[in-house]
């Protein structure tokens, strides 16, 4: 961003990478996938680089309002200094904080989650999910992020993105407004879970796997889930099934759940951007 500003240029959109997108090895792949899509369609974007700091979401959810405001004001000063108007991010936590918390501190921006941004690119005909990996016949189920769904009412955009893949989309019983948290929100990512019968991410992973498998017996034993087996499309392929996510926290928790069930060989966890980049033939 500093390089563009030195030339007197302003990007169409600022890509807010986020802590996970910058430092978590698994989610760095999502950052790279999304950037490849931006460059492929010719979006004029920029990143803050070393000038980007944590949005303050974990501090605020953990109850440290003072730290949150310090981090938020530092970011707002940077963004306003560059005259940023439009921000896109692949993290629902960053999205929610910049969109809903920053305005009270002087940070007014148009904030878009990458699922909505990808949907816009698809609707404009810039992304067609052609020329790369085919997902036809593969089973995909989408896990709703709490901060994307219940907090900001974004349910259809990620599903619209997945529909372009021409895969077999299967909905978990606990989805959309009735979705189940992955277990990492509210700063829970940074602590061990309280004692209980089962970790939340294990419960959610079991539901996702049972949905992909069409296993009514497993679904029957999950609290709050109907016992009816999902209707699997004829000719759908169980091998290479995918749990799709749109959040770095959900990515970690769902992947850990799949590992706990020793299902990594036939079920993978991918972000929407990775799936689209793969379908477009943009993976490095």
Protein backbone atom coordinates (compact mmCIF):
# COMPACT_ATOMS: atom_id res chain seq x y z
CA UNK A 1 0.00 0.00 0.00
CA UNK A 2 2.84 2.36 0.85
CA UNK A 3 4.33 1.82 -2.60
CA UNK A 4 1.05 2.76 -4.32
CA UNK A 5 0.60 5.80 -2.09
CA UNK A 6 4.09 6.98 -3.00
CA UNK A 7 2.99 6.97 -6.65
CA UNK A 8 -0.20 8.83 -5.80
CA UNK A 9 -2.33 5.80 -6.67
CA UNK A 10 -5.30 4.35 -4.79
CA UNK A 11 -6.28 0.67 -5.09
CA UNK A 12 -9.79 -0.45 -5.97
CA UNK A 13 -9.80 -2.59 -2.86
CA UNK A 14 -7.57 -3.20 0.15
CA UNK A 15 -7.10 -6.89 0.92
CA UNK A 16 -6.99 -7.28 4.69
CA UNK A 17 -4.89 -10.41 5.12
CA UNK A 18 -5.45 -10.95 8.85
CA UNK A 19 -3.23 -12.67 11.41
CA UNK A 20 -4.06 -16.21 10.27
CA UNK A 21 -3.67 -15.32 6.61
CA UNK A 22 -0.22 -13.92 7.34
CA UNK A 23 1.17 -16.29 9.96
CA UNK A 24 -0.74 -19.59 10.00
CA UNK A 25 0.91 -22.00 7.58
CA UNK A 26 -2.37 -23.64 6.54
CA UNK A 27 -4.25 -20.38 5.99
CA UNK A 28 -1.37 -18.82 4.06
CA UNK A 29 -2.49 -21.12 1.27
CA UNK A 30 -5.90 -19.44 1.34
CA UNK A 31 -4.25 -16.02 1.12
CA UNK A 32 -2.22 -17.11 -1.89
CA UNK A 33 -5.29 -18.66 -3.56
CA UNK A 34 -7.36 -15.50 -3.11
CA UNK A 35 -4.54 -13.29 -4.38
CA UNK A 36 -4.17 -15.48 -7.48
CA UNK A 37 -7.87 -15.00 -8.15
CA UNK A 38 -7.60 -11.22 -7.72
CA UNK A 39 -4.67 -11.07 -10.12
CA UNK A 40 -6.33 -13.44 -12.59
CA UNK A 41 -9.41 -11.21 -12.96
CA UNK A 42 -7.41 -7.98 -12.90
CA UNK A 43 -8.57 -6.48 -9.60
CA UNK A 44 -6.48 -3.48 -8.57
CA UNK A 45 -5.72 -4.37 -4.96
CA UNK A 46 -3.17 -3.63 -2.26
CA UNK A 47 -2.18 -4.96 1.15
CA UNK A 48 -0.83 -3.07 4.15
CA UNK A 49 2.00 -5.53 4.71
CA UNK A 50 3.92 -4.77 7.90
CA UNK A 51 1.57 -1.87 8.61
CA UNK A 52 -1.34 -4.26 9.20
CA UNK A 53 -1.92 -5.18 12.84
CA UNK A 54 -4.43 -7.50 14.51
CA UNK A 55 -7.93 -6.03 14.37
CA UNK A 56 -8.28 -6.55 18.11
CA UNK A 57 -11.08 -9.11 17.87
CA UNK A 58 -9.47 -11.73 20.17
CA UNK A 59 -8.67 -9.07 22.78
CA UNK A 60 -12.22 -7.71 22.73
CA UNK A 61 -13.86 -11.15 22.94
CA UNK A 62 -11.55 -12.04 25.81
CA UNK A 63 -12.68 -8.91 27.67
CA UNK A 64 -9.66 -6.64 27.17
CA UNK A 65 -11.43 -3.58 25.77
CA UNK A 66 -8.41 -1.35 26.39
CA UNK A 67 -6.13 -3.50 24.22
CA UNK A 68 -8.83 -3.77 21.56
CA UNK A 69 -9.17 0.00 21.27
CA UNK A 70 -5.39 0.44 21.09
CA UNK A 71 -5.15 -2.07 18.23
CA UNK A 72 -8.24 -0.71 16.49
CA UNK A 73 -7.10 2.92 16.62
CA UNK A 74 -3.71 1.99 15.21
CA UNK A 75 -5.37 0.29 12.24
CA UNK A 76 -7.94 3.03 11.73
CA UNK A 77 -5.21 5.67 11.69
CA UNK A 78 -3.35 3.69 9.03
CA UNK A 79 -6.43 3.02 6.89
CA UNK A 80 -7.67 6.61 7.09
CA UNK A 81 -4.19 7.90 6.35
CA UNK A 82 -4.25 6.05 3.04
CA UNK A 83 -7.83 7.09 2.31
CA UNK A 84 -9.06 3.50 2.14
CA UNK A 85 -12.74 3.15 1.30
CA UNK A 86 -13.20 -0.55 0.47
CA UNK A 87 -11.80 -3.53 2.37
CA UNK A 88 -12.08 -7.23 1.55
CA UNK A 89 -10.96 -9.99 3.91
CA UNK A 90 -11.07 -13.78 4.07
CA UNK A 91 -11.55 -13.77 7.86
CA UNK A 92 -15.09 -13.35 9.27
CA UNK A 93 -13.62 -12.17 12.57
CA UNK A 94 -11.70 -9.36 10.85
CA UNK A 95 -14.76 -8.69 8.69
CA UNK A 96 -17.10 -8.38 11.67
CA UNK A 97 -14.72 -6.21 13.68
CA UNK A 98 -13.85 -3.74 10.92
CA UNK A 99 -17.45 -3.59 9.70
CA UNK A 100 -19.29 -3.37 13.01
CA UNK A 101 -16.80 -2.26 15.67
CA UNK A 102 -14.53 0.23 13.88
CA UNK A 103 -17.20 2.80 12.87
CA UNK A 104 -17.67 3.85 16.52
CA UNK A 105 -13.94 4.65 16.64
CA UNK A 106 -13.85 6.60 13.37
CA UNK A 107 -13.25 3.78 10.90
CA UNK A 108 -15.97 3.93 8.23
CA UNK A 109 -15.35 1.57 5.31
CA UNK A 110 -17.18 -0.67 2.89
CA UNK A 111 -16.19 -4.09 4.21
CA UNK A 112 -16.72 -7.24 2.15
CA UNK A 113 -16.07 -10.85 3.07
CA UNK A 114 -14.26 -12.80 0.39
CA UNK A 115 -17.26 -15.12 -0.10
CA UNK A 116 -19.38 -12.15 -1.16
CA UNK A 117 -16.54 -10.77 -3.28
CA UNK A 118 -16.13 -14.12 -5.05
CA UNK A 119 -19.87 -14.26 -5.65
CA UNK A 120 -19.71 -10.82 -7.26
CA UNK A 121 -16.86 -11.93 -9.54
CA UNK A 122 -18.88 -15.00 -10.55
CA UNK A 123 -22.01 -12.93 -11.22
CA UNK A 124 -19.95 -10.55 -13.38
CA UNK A 125 -18.64 -13.47 -15.43
CA UNK A 126 -15.04 -12.87 -14.36
CA UNK A 127 -14.79 -16.21 -12.54
CA UNK A 128 -16.23 -19.27 -14.27
CA UNK A 129 -14.58 -22.16 -12.44
CA UNK A 130 -13.34 -23.60 -15.73
CA UNK A 131 -10.00 -24.87 -16.93
CA UNK A 132 -8.85 -26.47 -13.70
CA UNK A 133 -9.82 -29.28 -11.37
CA UNK A 134 -13.29 -30.71 -11.81
CA UNK A 135 -15.49 -31.13 -8.75
CA UNK A 136 -18.41 -32.68 -10.62
CA UNK A 137 -19.86 -35.56 -8.64
CA UNK A 138 -17.81 -34.84 -5.51
CA UNK A 139 -19.65 -34.29 -2.25
CA UNK A 140 -19.21 -30.94 -0.51
CA UNK A 141 -20.81 -29.70 2.70
CA UNK A 142 -20.41 -26.12 3.92
CA UNK A 143 -19.81 -25.17 7.54
CA UNK A 144 -21.28 -21.76 8.44
CA UNK A 145 -18.95 -19.44 10.32
CA UNK A 146 -20.75 -17.80 13.27
CA UNK A 147 -19.36 -14.33 12.51
CA UNK A 148 -20.29 -14.63 8.86
CA UNK A 149 -23.70 -16.21 9.33
CA UNK A 150 -25.52 -15.43 12.55
CA UNK A 151 -23.55 -12.25 13.24
CA UNK A 152 -23.85 -10.74 9.75
CA UNK A 153 -26.58 -12.77 8.03
CA UNK A 154 -24.38 -13.94 5.15
CA UNK A 155 -25.56 -17.41 4.20
CA UNK A 156 -26.21 -17.46 0.47
CA UNK A 157 -22.95 -15.99 -0.87
CA UNK A 158 -20.71 -18.93 0.09
CA UNK A 159 -23.28 -21.39 -1.21
CA UNK A 160 -23.56 -19.48 -4.49
CA UNK A 161 -19.78 -19.74 -4.82
CA UNK A 162 -19.88 -23.50 -4.25
CA UNK A 163 -22.73 -23.97 -6.74
CA UNK A 164 -20.50 -22.87 -9.62
CA UNK A 165 -18.30 -25.92 -8.95
CA UNK A 166 -21.10 -28.24 -10.11
CA UNK A 167 -20.44 -30.52 -7.14
CA UNK A 168 -23.03 -32.35 -5.02
CA UNK A 169 -23.77 -29.89 -2.20
CA UNK A 170 -25.09 -31.48 0.98
CA UNK A 171 -26.43 -29.37 3.85
CA UNK A 172 -25.80 -30.37 7.42
CA UNK A 173 -28.95 -30.36 9.55
CA UNK A 174 -27.44 -27.68 11.76
CA UNK A 175 -26.80 -25.02 9.16
CA UNK A 176 -27.45 -21.36 8.43
CA UNK A 177 -29.34 -19.72 11.35
CA UNK A 178 -29.24 -23.03 13.22
CA UNK A 179 -25.56 -23.66 12.55
CA UNK A 180 -23.20 -25.06 15.17
CA UNK A 181 -20.07 -23.14 16.18
CA UNK A 182 -16.74 -24.76 15.36
CA UNK A 183 -15.68 -24.06 18.95
CA UNK A 184 -13.06 -21.37 18.34
CA UNK A 185 -15.08 -18.13 18.44
CA UNK A 186 -15.23 -15.69 21.33
CA UNK A 187 -11.47 -16.03 21.91
CA UNK A 188 -11.93 -19.76 22.62
CA UNK A 189 -9.24 -20.39 20.01
CA UNK A 190 -6.60 -19.39 22.52
CA UNK A 191 -7.55 -21.66 25.42
CA UNK A 192 -8.23 -25.28 26.21
CA UNK A 193 -11.92 -26.30 26.26
CA UNK A 194 -13.81 -26.63 29.52
CA UNK A 195 -14.37 -30.18 30.81
CA UNK A 196 -17.31 -31.87 29.12
CA UNK A 197 -18.45 -34.94 27.24
CA UNK A 198 -17.05 -33.88 23.86
CA UNK A 199 -15.17 -31.00 22.24
CA UNK A 200 -17.42 -28.88 20.03
CA UNK A 201 -15.23 -29.25 16.96
CA UNK A 202 -15.41 -33.04 17.28
CA UNK A 203 -19.21 -32.86 17.43
CA UNK A 204 -19.28 -30.63 14.37
CA UNK A 205 -16.80 -32.76 12.44
CA UNK A 206 -18.88 -35.88 13.19
CA UNK A 207 -21.95 -34.16 11.78
CA UNK A 208 -20.10 -33.04 8.66
CA UNK A 209 -18.64 -36.51 8.05
CA UNK A 210 -21.99 -38.21 8.65
CA UNK A 211 -23.62 -35.78 6.21
CA UNK A 212 -21.05 -36.57 3.54
CA UNK A 213 -21.40 -40.31 4.23
CA UNK A 214 -25.19 -40.30 4.41
CA UNK A 215 -24.92 -42.01 7.81
CA UNK A 216 -28.31 -41.67 9.54
CA UNK A 217 -27.20 -43.71 12.57
CA UNK A 218 -24.44 -41.25 13.44
CA UNK A 219 -26.73 -38.28 12.87
CA UNK A 220 -29.29 -39.82 15.21
CA UNK A 221 -26.81 -39.65 18.09
CA UNK A 222 -25.93 -35.98 17.56
CA UNK A 223 -27.90 -33.61 19.76
CA UNK A 224 -30.44 -31.50 17.89
CA UNK A 225 -29.98 -33.28 14.57
CA UNK A 226 -32.77 -35.05 12.73
CA UNK A 227 -32.20 -38.75 12.17
CA UNK A 228 -33.11 -38.72 8.47
CA UNK A 229 -30.15 -39.48 6.26
CA UNK A 230 -29.16 -36.79 3.73
CA UNK A 231 -30.38 -37.48 0.22
CA UNK A 232 -27.28 -38.29 -1.80
CA UNK A 233 -27.45 -37.49 -5.52
CA UNK A 234 -27.19 -40.49 -7.82
CA UNK A 235 -23.62 -41.06 -8.92
CA UNK A 236 -22.13 -38.82 -6.24
CA UNK A 237 -18.58 -39.62 -5.25
CA UNK A 238 -17.77 -40.17 -1.58
CA UNK A 239 -14.05 -40.32 -2.28
CA UNK A 240 -12.47 -36.88 -2.25
CA UNK A 241 -15.30 -35.34 -0.23
CA UNK A 242 -14.83 -31.78 0.98
CA UNK A 243 -15.83 -29.80 4.06
CA UNK A 244 -15.86 -26.21 2.81
CA UNK A 245 -15.20 -23.32 5.17
CA UNK A 246 -14.79 -19.56 4.90
CA UNK A 247 -12.91 -18.77 8.11
CA UNK A 248 -9.39 -19.51 9.42
CA UNK A 249 -10.73 -20.46 12.85
CA UNK A 250 -13.21 -22.90 11.32
CA UNK A 251 -10.46 -24.26 9.07
CA UNK A 252 -8.31 -25.22 12.05
CA UNK A 253 -11.12 -26.67 14.13
CA UNK A 254 -12.73 -28.69 11.34
CA UNK A 255 -9.38 -30.01 10.12
CA UNK A 256 -8.52 -31.09 13.66
CA UNK A 257 -11.91 -32.83 13.88
CA UNK A 258 -11.29 -34.73 10.65
CA UNK A 259 -7.85 -35.77 11.92
CA UNK A 260 -9.40 -36.92 15.20
CA UNK A 261 -11.64 -39.26 13.20
CA UNK A 262 -8.70 -40.38 11.04
CA UNK A 263 -10.49 -39.39 7.85
CA UNK A 264 -7.82 -37.24 6.19
CA UNK A 265 -7.40 -39.79 3.41
CA UNK A 266 -10.90 -39.31 1.98
CA UNK A 267 -12.18 -35.99 3.39
CA UNK A 268 -10.39 -32.66 3.05
CA UNK A 269 -11.11 -29.22 4.48
CA UNK A 270 -10.78 -26.34 2.01
CA UNK A 271 -11.59 -22.65 1.98
CA UNK A 272 -13.85 -21.28 -0.76
CA UNK A 273 -10.95 -19.40 -2.33
CA UNK A 274 -8.90 -22.58 -2.62
CA UNK A 275 -11.75 -24.42 -4.31
CA UNK A 276 -12.35 -21.63 -6.83
CA UNK A 277 -8.63 -21.20 -7.54
CA UNK A 278 -8.34 -24.93 -8.12
CA UNK A 279 -11.38 -24.97 -10.42
CA UNK A 280 -9.90 -22.05 -12.37
CA UNK A 281 -6.56 -23.81 -12.69
CA UNK A 282 -4.78 -21.16 -10.65
CA UNK A 283 -3.15 -23.29 -7.97
CA UNK A 284 0.61 -23.03 -7.88
